[in-house]
PDB file of N, CA and C in Angstrom:
ATOM      1  N   MET A   1     104.607  84.302 106.960  1.00  0.00           N
ATOM      2  CA  MET A   1     104.021  85.417 106.224  1.00  0.00           C
ATOM      3  C   MET A   1     102.507  85.223 106.197  1.00  0.00           C
ATOM      4  N   GLY A   2     101.759  86.258 106.528  1.00  0.00           N
ATOM      5  CA  GLY A   2     100.304  86.190 106.558  1.00  0.00           C
ATOM      6  C   GLY A   2      99.679  86.655 105.261  1.00  0.00           C
ATOM      7  N   LEU A   3      98.402  86.444 105.152  1.00  0.00           N
ATOM      8  CA  LEU A   3      97.623  86.865 103.991  1.00  0.00           C
ATOM      9  C   LEU A   3      97.319  88.351 104.109  1.00  0.00           C
ATOM     10  N   GLN A   4      97.511  89.083 103.015  1.00  0.00           N
ATOM     11  CA  GLN A   4      97.217  90.507 103.012  1.00  0.00           C
ATOM     12  C   GLN A   4      96.123  90.785 101.996  1.00  0.00           C
ATOM     13  N   ILE A   5      95.036  91.423 102.417  1.00  0.00           N
ATOM     14  CA  ILE A   5      93.948  91.788 101.528  1.00  0.00           C
ATOM     15  C   ILE A   5      94.228  93.176 100.986  1.00  0.00           C
ATOM     16  N   VAL A   6      94.170  93.307  99.678  1.00  0.00           N
ATOM     17  CA  VAL A   6      94.447  94.582  99.026  1.00  0.00           C
ATOM     18  C   VAL A   6      93.144  95.138  98.453  1.00  0.00           C
ATOM     19  N   GLN A   7      92.804  96.341  98.827  1.00  0.00           N
ATOM     20  CA  GLN A   7      91.612  97.007  98.322  1.00  0.00           C
ATOM     21  C   GLN A   7      91.962  97.770  97.054  1.00  0.00           C
ATOM     22  N   ASP A   8      91.108  97.661  96.032  1.00  0.00           N
ATOM     23  CA  ASP A   8      91.310  98.424  94.804  1.00  0.00           C
ATOM     24  C   ASP A   8      90.893  99.869  95.081  1.00  0.00           C
ATOM     25  N   PRO A   9      91.784 100.841  94.844  1.00  0.00           N
ATOM     26  CA  PRO A   9      91.461 102.237  95.151  1.00  0.00           C
ATOM     27  C   PRO A   9      90.594 102.930  94.084  1.00  0.00           C
ATOM     28  N   SER A  10      90.250 102.219  93.030  1.00  0.00           N
ATOM     29  CA  SER A  10      89.502 102.841  91.935  1.00  0.00           C
ATOM     30  C   SER A  10      88.162 103.390  92.404  1.00  0.00           C
ATOM     31  N   ASN A  11      87.755 104.484  91.825  1.00  0.00           N
ATOM     32  CA  ASN A  11      86.445 105.067  92.119  1.00  0.00           C
ATOM     33  C   ASN A  11      85.396 104.659  91.100  1.00  0.00           C
ATOM     34  N   TYR A  12      85.797 103.893  90.072  1.00  0.00           N
ATOM     35  CA  TYR A  12      84.824 103.385  89.109  1.00  0.00           C
ATOM     36  C   TYR A  12      84.692 101.880  89.309  1.00  0.00           C
ATOM     37  N   GLY A  13      83.554 101.356  88.950  1.00  0.00           N
ATOM     38  CA  GLY A  13      83.311  99.926  89.095  1.00  0.00           C
ATOM     39  C   GLY A  13      81.850  99.624  88.866  1.00  0.00           C
ATOM     40  N   ILE A  14      81.332  98.657  89.604  1.00  0.00           N
ATOM     41  CA  ILE A  14      79.921  98.299  89.507  1.00  0.00           C
ATOM     42  C   ILE A  14      79.354  98.104  90.910  1.00  0.00           C
ATOM     43  N   TYR A  15      78.047  98.296  91.023  1.00  0.00           N
ATOM     44  CA  TYR A  15      77.316  97.882  92.211  1.00  0.00           C
ATOM     45  C   TYR A  15      76.633  96.570  91.888  1.00  0.00           C
ATOM     46  N   VAL A  16      76.672  95.631  92.835  1.00  0.00           N
ATOM     47  CA  VAL A  16      75.935  94.378  92.737  1.00  0.00           C
ATOM     48  C   VAL A  16      74.970  94.338  93.914  1.00  0.00           C
ATOM     49  N   TRP A  17      73.971  93.437  93.817  1.00  0.00           N
ATOM     50  CA  TRP A  17      73.002  93.308  94.906  1.00  0.00           C
ATOM     51  C   TRP A  17      73.389  92.098  95.754  1.00  0.00           C
ATOM     52  N   LEU A  18      73.819  92.357  96.983  1.00  0.00           N
ATOM     53  CA  LEU A  18      74.235  91.313  97.907  1.00  0.00           C
ATOM     54  C   LEU A  18      73.024  90.847  98.704  1.00  0.00           C
ATOM     55  N   LEU A  19      72.751  89.554  98.658  1.00  0.00           N
ATOM     56  CA  LEU A  19      71.609  88.971  99.354  1.00  0.00           C
ATOM     57  C   LEU A  19      71.912  88.812 100.841  1.00  0.00           C
ATOM     58  N   PRO A  20      70.870  88.744 101.685  1.00  0.00           N
ATOM     59  CA  PRO A  20      71.090  88.630 103.136  1.00  0.00           C
ATOM     60  C   PRO A  20      71.951  87.427 103.526  1.00  0.00           C
ATOM     61  N   GLU A  21      71.856  86.316 102.765  1.00  0.00           N
ATOM     62  CA  GLU A  21      72.657  85.134 103.105  1.00  0.00           C
ATOM     63  C   GLU A  21      74.079  85.211 102.561  1.00  0.00           C
ATOM     64  N   GLY A  22      74.425  86.304 101.860  1.00  0.00           N
ATOM     65  CA  GLY A  22      75.800  86.530 101.444  1.00  0.00           C
ATOM     66  C   GLY A  22      76.108  86.377  99.971  1.00  0.00           C
ATOM     67  N   GLY A  23      75.260  85.719  99.202  1.00  0.00           N
ATOM     68  CA  GLY A  23      75.511  85.592  97.766  1.00  0.00           C
ATOM     69  C   GLY A  23      75.046  86.827  97.009  1.00  0.00           C
ATOM     70  N   VAL A  24      75.413  86.900  95.747  1.00  0.00           N
ATOM     71  CA  VAL A  24      74.931  88.001  94.916  1.00  0.00           C
ATOM     72  C   VAL A  24      73.708  87.545  94.135  1.00  0.00           C
ATOM     73  N   PHE A  25      72.838  88.479  93.821  1.00  0.00           N
ATOM     74  CA  PHE A  25      71.604  88.188  93.104  1.00  0.00           C
ATOM     75  C   PHE A  25      71.917  87.925  91.638  1.00  0.00           C
ATOM     76  N   LYS A  26      71.499  86.743  91.145  1.00  0.00           N
ATOM     77  CA  LYS A  26      71.736  86.336  89.760  1.00  0.00           C
ATOM     78  C   LYS A  26      70.432  85.870  89.135  1.00  0.00           C
ATOM     79  N   ASP A  27      70.393  85.894  87.805  1.00  0.00           N
ATOM     80  CA  ASP A  27      69.237  85.329  87.111  1.00  0.00           C
ATOM     81  C   ASP A  27      69.469  83.844  86.850  1.00  0.00           C
ATOM     82  N   ASP A  28      68.528  83.212  86.157  1.00  0.00           N
ATOM     83  CA  ASP A  28      68.619  81.773  85.894  1.00  0.00           C
ATOM     84  C   ASP A  28      69.806  81.399  85.013  1.00  0.00           C
ATOM     85  N   ASP A  29      70.348  82.372  84.265  1.00  0.00           N
ATOM     86  CA  ASP A  29      71.517  82.120  83.422  1.00  0.00           C
ATOM     87  C   ASP A  29      72.825  82.469  84.121  1.00  0.00           C
ATOM     88  N   ASP A  30      72.760  82.719  85.432  1.00  0.00           N
ATOM     89  CA  ASP A  30      73.932  83.033  86.250  1.00  0.00           C
ATOM     90  C   ASP A  30      74.503  84.425  85.993  1.00  0.00           C
ATOM     91  N   ASN A  31      73.709  85.319  85.401  1.00  0.00           N
ATOM     92  CA  ASN A  31      74.138  86.708  85.207  1.00  0.00           C
ATOM     93  C   ASN A  31      73.887  87.487  86.495  1.00  0.00           C
ATOM     94  N   VAL A  32      74.884  88.220  86.948  1.00  0.00           N
ATOM     95  CA  VAL A  32      74.794  88.981  88.193  1.00  0.00           C
ATOM     96  C   VAL A  32      74.095  90.311  87.931  1.00  0.00           C
ATOM     97  N   LEU A  33      73.101  90.642  88.790  1.00  0.00           N
ATOM     98  CA  LEU A  33      72.462  91.950  88.708  1.00  0.00           C
ATOM     99  C   LEU A  33      73.509  92.990  89.082  1.00  0.00           C
ATOM    100  N   ASN A  34      73.779  93.942  88.174  1.00  0.00           N
ATOM    101  CA  ASN A  34      74.808  94.944  88.436  1.00  0.00           C
ATOM    102  C   ASN A  34      74.493  96.215  87.681  1.00  0.00           C
ATOM    103  N   ILE A  35      75.149  97.280  88.098  1.00  0.00           N
ATOM    104  CA  ILE A  35      75.011  98.569  87.426  1.00  0.00           C
ATOM    105  C   ILE A  35      76.367  99.289  87.475  1.00  0.00           C
ATOM    106  N   PRO A  36      76.866  99.718  86.313  1.00  0.00           N
ATOM    107  CA  PRO A  36      78.125 100.484  86.317  1.00  0.00           C
ATOM    108  C   PRO A  36      77.941 101.786  87.094  1.00  0.00           C
ATOM    109  N   SER A  37      78.963 102.181  87.824  1.00  0.00           N
ATOM    110  CA  SER A  37      78.813 103.341  88.687  1.00  0.00           C
ATOM    111  C   SER A  37      80.164 103.876  89.144  1.00  0.00           C
ATOM    112  N   MET A  38      80.105 105.022  89.750  1.00  0.00           N
ATOM    113  CA  MET A  38      81.228 105.560  90.506  1.00  0.00           C
ATOM    114  C   MET A  38      80.958 105.229  91.978  1.00  0.00           C
ATOM    115  N   ARG A  39      82.011 105.067  92.750  1.00  0.00           N
ATOM    116  CA  ARG A  39      81.875 104.762  94.179  1.00  0.00           C
ATOM    117  C   ARG A  39      81.009 105.829  94.855  1.00  0.00           C
ATOM    118  N   GLY A  40      80.051 105.383  95.657  1.00  0.00           N
ATOM    119  CA  GLY A  40      79.232 106.305  96.448  1.00  0.00           C
ATOM    120  C   GLY A  40      78.075 106.953  95.715  1.00  0.00           C
ATOM    121  N   ASP A  41      77.758 106.533  94.496  1.00  0.00           N
ATOM    122  CA  ASP A  41      76.675 107.137  93.715  1.00  0.00           C
ATOM    123  C   ASP A  41      75.324 106.655  94.252  1.00  0.00           C
ATOM    124  N   ILE A  42      74.669 107.501  95.018  1.00  0.00           N
ATOM    125  CA  ILE A  42      73.413 107.145  95.676  1.00  0.00           C
ATOM    126  C   ILE A  42      72.314 106.842  94.663  1.00  0.00           C
ATOM    127  N   GLU A  43      72.295 107.547  93.538  1.00  0.00           N
ATOM    128  CA  GLU A  43      71.288 107.284  92.514  1.00  0.00           C
ATOM    129  C   GLU A  43      71.425 105.869  91.950  1.00  0.00           C
ATOM    130  N   LYS A  44      72.660 105.430  91.696  1.00  0.00           N
ATOM    131  CA  LYS A  44      72.891 104.077  91.170  1.00  0.00           C
ATOM    132  C   LYS A  44      72.531 103.026  92.211  1.00  0.00           C
ATOM    133  N   MET A  45      72.831 103.304  93.477  1.00  0.00           N
ATOM    134  CA  MET A  45      72.458 102.374  94.543  1.00  0.00           C
ATOM    135  C   MET A  45      70.936 102.243  94.623  1.00  0.00           C
ATOM    136  N   SER A  46      70.237 103.344  94.450  1.00  0.00           N
ATOM    137  CA  SER A  46      68.776 103.318  94.456  1.00  0.00           C
ATOM    138  C   SER A  46      68.234 102.544  93.253  1.00  0.00           C
ATOM    139  N   GLU A  47      68.859 102.736  92.084  1.00  0.00           N
ATOM    140  CA  GLU A  47      68.416 102.020  90.884  1.00  0.00           C
ATOM    141  C   GLU A  47      68.565 100.512  91.044  1.00  0.00           C
ATOM    142  N   ILE A  48      69.681 100.059  91.589  1.00  0.00           N
ATOM    143  CA  ILE A  48      69.872  98.610  91.727  1.00  0.00           C
ATOM    144  C   ILE A  48      68.937  98.048  92.798  1.00  0.00           C
ATOM    145  N   ARG A  49      68.651  98.831  93.829  1.00  0.00           N
ATOM    146  CA  ARG A  49      67.691  98.395  94.853  1.00  0.00           C
ATOM    147  C   ARG A  49      66.313  98.205  94.239  1.00  0.00           C
ATOM    148  N   LYS A  50      65.889  99.175  93.416  1.00  0.00           N
ATOM    149  CA  LYS A  50      64.585  99.077  92.753  1.00  0.00           C
ATOM    150  C   LYS A  50      64.541  97.891  91.795  1.00  0.00           C
ATOM    151  N   ALA A  51      65.624  97.654  91.056  1.00  0.00           N
ATOM    152  CA  ALA A  51      65.677  96.523  90.119  1.00  0.00           C
ATOM    153  C   ALA A  51      65.599  95.203  90.878  1.00  0.00           C
ATOM    154  N   ALA A  52      66.322  95.093  91.988  1.00  0.00           N
ATOM    155  CA  ALA A  52      66.286  93.859  92.781  1.00  0.00           C
ATOM    156  C   ALA A  52      64.878  93.598  93.302  1.00  0.00           C
ATOM    157  N   ALA A  53      64.220  94.642  93.785  1.00  0.00           N
ATOM    158  CA  ALA A  53      62.843  94.491  94.274  1.00  0.00           C
ATOM    159  C   ALA A  53      61.913  94.088  93.130  1.00  0.00           C
ATOM    160  N   HIS A  54      62.093  94.704  91.975  1.00  0.00           N
ATOM    161  CA  HIS A  54      61.268  94.382  90.801  1.00  0.00           C
ATOM    162  C   HIS A  54      61.387  92.908  90.430  1.00  0.00           C
ATOM    163  N   TYR A  55      62.591  92.362  90.544  1.00  0.00           N
ATOM    164  CA  TYR A  55      62.831  90.962  90.187  1.00  0.00           C
ATOM    165  C   TYR A  55      62.641  90.009  91.371  1.00  0.00           C
ATOM    166  N   GLY A  56      62.024  90.501  92.450  1.00  0.00           N
ATOM    167  CA  GLY A  56      61.637  89.623  93.552  1.00  0.00           C
ATOM    168  C   GLY A  56      62.626  89.454  94.677  1.00  0.00           C
ATOM    169  N   GLN A  57      63.602  90.340  94.771  1.00  0.00           N
ATOM    170  CA  GLN A  57      64.620  90.219  95.816  1.00  0.00           C
ATOM    171  C   GLN A  57      64.827  91.564  96.520  1.00  0.00           C
ATOM    172  N   PRO A  58      63.797  92.049  97.250  1.00  0.00           N
ATOM    173  CA  PRO A  58      63.928  93.367  97.880  1.00  0.00           C
ATOM    174  C   PRO A  58      64.891  93.406  99.062  1.00  0.00           C
ATOM    175  N   GLU A  59      65.139  92.248  99.681  1.00  0.00           N
ATOM    176  CA  GLU A  59      66.041  92.201 100.825  1.00  0.00           C
ATOM    177  C   GLU A  59      67.478  92.097 100.338  1.00  0.00           C
ATOM    178  N   GLY A  60      68.347  92.898 100.904  1.00  0.00           N
ATOM    179  CA  GLY A  60      69.754  92.870 100.545  1.00  0.00           C
ATOM    180  C   GLY A  60      70.333  94.270 100.556  1.00  0.00           C
ATOM    181  N   GLN A  61      71.503  94.410  99.944  1.00  0.00           N
ATOM    182  CA  GLN A  61      72.143  95.725  99.905  1.00  0.00           C
ATOM    183  C   GLN A  61      73.027  95.864  98.674  1.00  0.00           C
ATOM    184  N   ALA A  62      73.195  97.097  98.239  1.00  0.00           N
ATOM    185  CA  ALA A  62      74.081  97.400  97.120  1.00  0.00           C
ATOM    186  C   ALA A  62      75.510  97.397  97.635  1.00  0.00           C
ATOM    187  N   VAL A  63      76.390  96.662  96.932  1.00  0.00           N
ATOM    188  CA  VAL A  63      77.803  96.580  97.308  1.00  0.00           C
ATOM    189  C   VAL A  63      78.638  96.986  96.098  1.00  0.00           C
ATOM    190  N   PHE A  64      79.594  97.892  96.326  1.00  0.00           N
ATOM    191  CA  PHE A  64      80.454  98.395  95.262  1.00  0.00           C
ATOM    192  C   PHE A  64      81.651  97.483  95.070  1.00  0.00           C
ATOM    193  N   ILE A  65      81.931  97.129  93.807  1.00  0.00           N
ATOM    194  CA  ILE A  65      83.123  96.365  93.457  1.00  0.00           C
ATOM    195  C   ILE A  65      83.962  97.266  92.549  1.00  0.00           C
ATOM    196  N   ALA A  66      85.097  97.686  93.061  1.00  0.00           N
ATOM    197  CA  ALA A  66      85.939  98.670  92.379  1.00  0.00           C
ATOM    198  C   ALA A  66      86.727  98.061  91.225  1.00  0.00           C
ATOM    199  N   GLY A  67      86.939  98.872  90.194  1.00  0.00           N
ATOM    200  CA  GLY A  67      87.885  98.542  89.136  1.00  0.00           C
ATOM    201  C   GLY A  67      87.410  97.569  88.080  1.00  0.00           C
ATOM    202  N   ILE A  68      86.144  97.193  88.096  1.00  0.00           N
ATOM    203  CA  ILE A  68      85.648  96.288  87.059  1.00  0.00           C
ATOM    204  C   ILE A  68      84.452  96.901  86.369  1.00  0.00           C
ATOM    205  N   GLY A  69      84.117  96.384  85.226  1.00  0.00           N
ATOM    206  CA  GLY A  69      82.961  96.852  84.478  1.00  0.00           C
ATOM    207  C   GLY A  69      82.307  95.695  83.750  1.00  0.00           C
ATOM    208  N   ARG A  70      81.291  95.999  83.015  1.00  0.00           N
ATOM    209  CA  ARG A  70      80.585  94.991  82.246  1.00  0.00           C
ATOM    210  C   ARG A  70      81.367  94.626  80.998  1.00  0.00           C
ATOM    211  N   LEU A  71      81.134  93.417  80.515  1.00  0.00           N
ATOM    212  CA  LEU A  71      81.733  92.960  79.269  1.00  0.00           C
ATOM    213  C   LEU A  71      80.644  92.526  78.306  1.00  0.00           C
ATOM    214  N   THR A  72      80.847  92.787  77.030  1.00  0.00           N
ATOM    215  CA  THR A  72      79.989  92.192  76.022  1.00  0.00           C
ATOM    216  C   THR A  72      80.437  90.749  75.834  1.00  0.00           C
ATOM    217  N   GLU A  73      79.656  89.946  75.142  1.00  0.00           N
ATOM    218  CA  GLU A  73      80.047  88.564  74.881  1.00  0.00           C
ATOM    219  C   GLU A  73      81.358  88.520  74.103  1.00  0.00           C
ATOM    220  N   GLU A  74      81.520  89.437  73.147  1.00  0.00           N
ATOM    221  CA  GLU A  74      82.755  89.487  72.355  1.00  0.00           C
ATOM    222  C   GLU A  74      83.966  89.822  73.236  1.00  0.00           C
ATOM    223  N   GLU A  75      83.808  90.795  74.135  1.00  0.00           N
ATOM    224  CA  GLU A  75      84.899  91.156  75.042  1.00  0.00           C
ATOM    225  C   GLU A  75      85.232  89.995  75.979  1.00  0.00           C
ATOM    226  N   TYR A  76      84.200  89.292  76.438  1.00  0.00           N
ATOM    227  CA  TYR A  76      84.418  88.134  77.296  1.00  0.00           C
ATOM    228  C   TYR A  76      85.244  87.070  76.576  1.00  0.00           C
ATOM    229  N   GLN A  77      84.867  86.776  75.337  1.00  0.00           N
ATOM    230  CA  GLN A  77      85.589  85.763  74.564  1.00  0.00           C
ATOM    231  C   GLN A  77      87.046  86.189  74.331  1.00  0.00           C
ATOM    232  N   GLU A  78      87.257  87.476  74.047  1.00  0.00           N
ATOM    233  CA  GLU A  78      88.616  87.988  73.842  1.00  0.00           C
ATOM    234  C   GLU A  78      89.440  87.861  75.124  1.00  0.00           C
ATOM    235  N   ASP A  79      88.851  88.251  76.268  1.00  0.00           N
ATOM    236  CA  ASP A  79      89.566  88.131  77.537  1.00  0.00           C
ATOM    237  C   ASP A  79      89.856  86.673  77.864  1.00  0.00           C
ATOM    238  N   LYS A  80      88.903  85.796  77.616  1.00  0.00           N
ATOM    239  CA  LYS A  80      89.102  84.364  77.867  1.00  0.00           C
ATOM    240  C   LYS A  80      90.259  83.837  77.007  1.00  0.00           C
ATOM    241  N   TYR A  81      90.283  84.227  75.742  1.00  0.00           N
ATOM    242  CA  TYR A  81      91.361  83.827  74.844  1.00  0.00           C
ATOM    243  C   TYR A  81      92.712  84.322  75.378  1.00  0.00           C
ATOM    244  N   ARG A  82      92.754  85.594  75.805  1.00  0.00           N
ATOM    245  CA  ARG A  82      93.998  86.172  76.315  1.00  0.00           C
ATOM    246  C   ARG A  82      94.480  85.407  77.550  1.00  0.00           C
ATOM    247  N   MET A  83      93.581  85.153  78.474  1.00  0.00           N
ATOM    248  CA  MET A  83      93.989  84.459  79.701  1.00  0.00           C
ATOM    249  C   MET A  83      94.401  83.019  79.413  1.00  0.00           C
ATOM    250  N   ASP A  84      93.693  82.349  78.509  1.00  0.00           N
ATOM    251  CA  ASP A  84      94.061  80.979  78.132  1.00  0.00           C
ATOM    252  C   ASP A  84      95.446  80.921  77.502  1.00  0.00           C
ATOM    253  N   ASN A  85      95.910  82.047  76.958  1.00  0.00           N
ATOM    254  CA  ASN A  85      97.215  82.105  76.307  1.00  0.00           C
ATOM    255  C   ASN A  85      98.261  82.850  77.141  1.00  0.00           C
ATOM    256  N   GLY A  86      98.000  82.961  78.440  1.00  0.00           N
ATOM    257  CA  GLY A  86      98.980  83.535  79.352  1.00  0.00           C
ATOM    258  C   GLY A  86      99.091  85.047  79.322  1.00  0.00           C
ATOM    259  N   LEU A  87      98.117  85.726  78.739  1.00  0.00           N
ATOM    260  CA  LEU A  87      98.136  87.192  78.665  1.00  0.00           C
ATOM    261  C   LEU A  87      97.198  87.780  79.712  1.00  0.00           C
ATOM    262  N   LEU A  88      97.362  89.062  79.990  1.00  0.00           N
ATOM    263  CA  LEU A  88      96.479  89.732  80.933  1.00  0.00           C
ATOM    264  C   LEU A  88      95.149  90.055  80.276  1.00  0.00           C
ATOM    265  N   SER A  89      94.101  89.951  81.052  1.00  0.00           N
ATOM    266  CA  SER A  89      92.768  90.353  80.607  1.00  0.00           C
ATOM    267  C   SER A  89      92.751  91.867  80.439  1.00  0.00           C
ATOM    268  N   TYR A  90      92.080  92.362  79.393  1.00  0.00           N
ATOM    269  CA  TYR A  90      91.982  93.813  79.210  1.00  0.00           C
ATOM    270  C   TYR A  90      91.270  94.472  80.380  1.00  0.00           C
ATOM    271  N   GLY A  91      90.311  93.789  80.981  1.00  0.00           N
ATOM    272  CA  GLY A  91      89.518  94.384  82.048  1.00  0.00           C
ATOM    273  C   GLY A  91      90.139  94.316  83.426  1.00  0.00           C
ATOM    274  N   ASP A  92      91.271  93.645  83.587  1.00  0.00           N
ATOM    275  CA  ASP A  92      91.884  93.475  84.894  1.00  0.00           C
ATOM    276  C   ASP A  92      92.862  94.616  85.162  1.00  0.00           C
ATOM    277  N   THR A  93      92.308  95.765  85.568  1.00  0.00           N
ATOM    278  CA  THR A  93      93.146  96.954  85.750  1.00  0.00           C
ATOM    279  C   THR A  93      94.182  96.765  86.852  1.00  0.00           C
ATOM    280  N   GLY A  94      93.854  95.992  87.879  1.00  0.00           N
ATOM    281  CA  GLY A  94      94.828  95.734  88.938  1.00  0.00           C
ATOM    282  C   GLY A  94      96.039  94.990  88.417  1.00  0.00           C
ATOM    283  N   ALA A  95      95.811  93.994  87.567  1.00  0.00           N
ATOM    284  CA  ALA A  95      96.926  93.231  86.989  1.00  0.00           C
ATOM    285  C   ALA A  95      97.776  94.114  86.084  1.00  0.00           C
ATOM    286  N   TRP A  96      97.131  94.986  85.325  1.00  0.00           N
ATOM    287  CA  TRP A  96      97.882  95.891  84.447  1.00  0.00           C
ATOM    288  C   TRP A  96      98.741  96.843  85.281  1.00  0.00           C
ATOM    289  N   ARG A  97      98.185  97.365  86.385  1.00  0.00           N
ATOM    290  CA  ARG A  97      98.953  98.251  87.273  1.00  0.00           C
ATOM    291  C   ARG A  97     100.156  97.517  87.849  1.00  0.00           C
ATOM    292  N   ASP A  98      99.920  96.282  88.315  1.00  0.00           N
ATOM    293  CA  ASP A  98     101.022  95.488  88.882  1.00  0.00           C
ATOM    294  C   ASP A  98     102.093  95.199  87.853  1.00  0.00           C
ATOM    295  N   ALA A  99     101.679  94.875  86.621  1.00  0.00           N
ATOM    296  CA  ALA A  99     102.650  94.601  85.557  1.00  0.00           C
ATOM    297  C   ALA A  99     103.481  95.842  85.246  1.00  0.00           C
ATOM    298  N   ALA A 100     102.831  97.012  85.240  1.00  0.00           N
ATOM    299  CA  ALA A 100     103.552  98.259  84.965  1.00  0.00           C
ATOM    300  C   ALA A 100     104.553  98.550  86.089  1.00  0.00           C
ATOM    301  N   ARG A 101     104.152  98.333  87.344  1.00  0.00           N
ATOM    302  CA  ARG A 101     105.079  98.556  88.467  1.00  0.00           C
ATOM    303  C   ARG A 101     106.277  97.620  88.377  1.00  0.00           C
ATOM    304  N   THR A 102     106.000  96.351  88.059  1.00  0.00           N
ATOM    305  CA  THR A 102     107.088  95.379  87.939  1.00  0.00           C
ATOM    306  C   THR A 102     108.049  95.777  86.834  1.00  0.00           C
ATOM    307  N   ARG A 103     107.502  96.199  85.718  1.00  0.00           N
ATOM    308  CA  ARG A 103     108.370  96.599  84.594  1.00  0.00           C
ATOM    309  C   ARG A 103     109.228  97.800  84.978  1.00  0.00           C
ATOM    310  N   ARG A 104     108.611  98.791  85.642  1.00  0.00           N
ATOM    311  CA  ARG A 104     109.385  99.977  86.059  1.00  0.00           C
ATOM    312  C   ARG A 104     110.491  99.588  87.040  1.00  0.00           C
ATOM    313  N   SER A 105     110.215  98.620  87.916  1.00  0.00           N
ATOM    314  CA  SER A 105     111.232  98.231  88.888  1.00  0.00           C
ATOM    315  C   SER A 105     112.383  97.475  88.231  1.00  0.00           C
ATOM    316  N   LEU A 106     112.149  96.891  87.050  1.00  0.00           N
ATOM    317  CA  LEU A 106     113.198  96.164  86.341  1.00  0.00           C
ATOM    318  C   LEU A 106     114.027  97.070  85.445  1.00  0.00           C
ATOM    319  N   ASP A 107     113.488  98.226  85.118  1.00  0.00           N
ATOM    320  CA  ASP A 107     114.203  99.163  84.225  1.00  0.00           C
ATOM    321  C   ASP A 107     115.326  99.877  84.925  1.00  0.00           C
TER     322      ASP A 107
END
């Protein structure tokens, strides 16, 4: 059996700034430069490009990551607690979809 890559079909997510060497642009605290967006939003892609240039990283490209969004520190702590206790993260829409499909198949 081979590895299968599954693309998230969501049209909402975030754009991140992908550097020419392949990593994402982060600050000194390891926070990723990102902007919430809908897939294909040219204005959001332009905004993240301008922000990357402003912070000294004009080379690169905006890359869309589907199905995720930003978290506050409180939401992060809640998700961490849930995952540490064997529960699904609130922000993991793919896992929630899979759990719902599994439940329907068992009913």
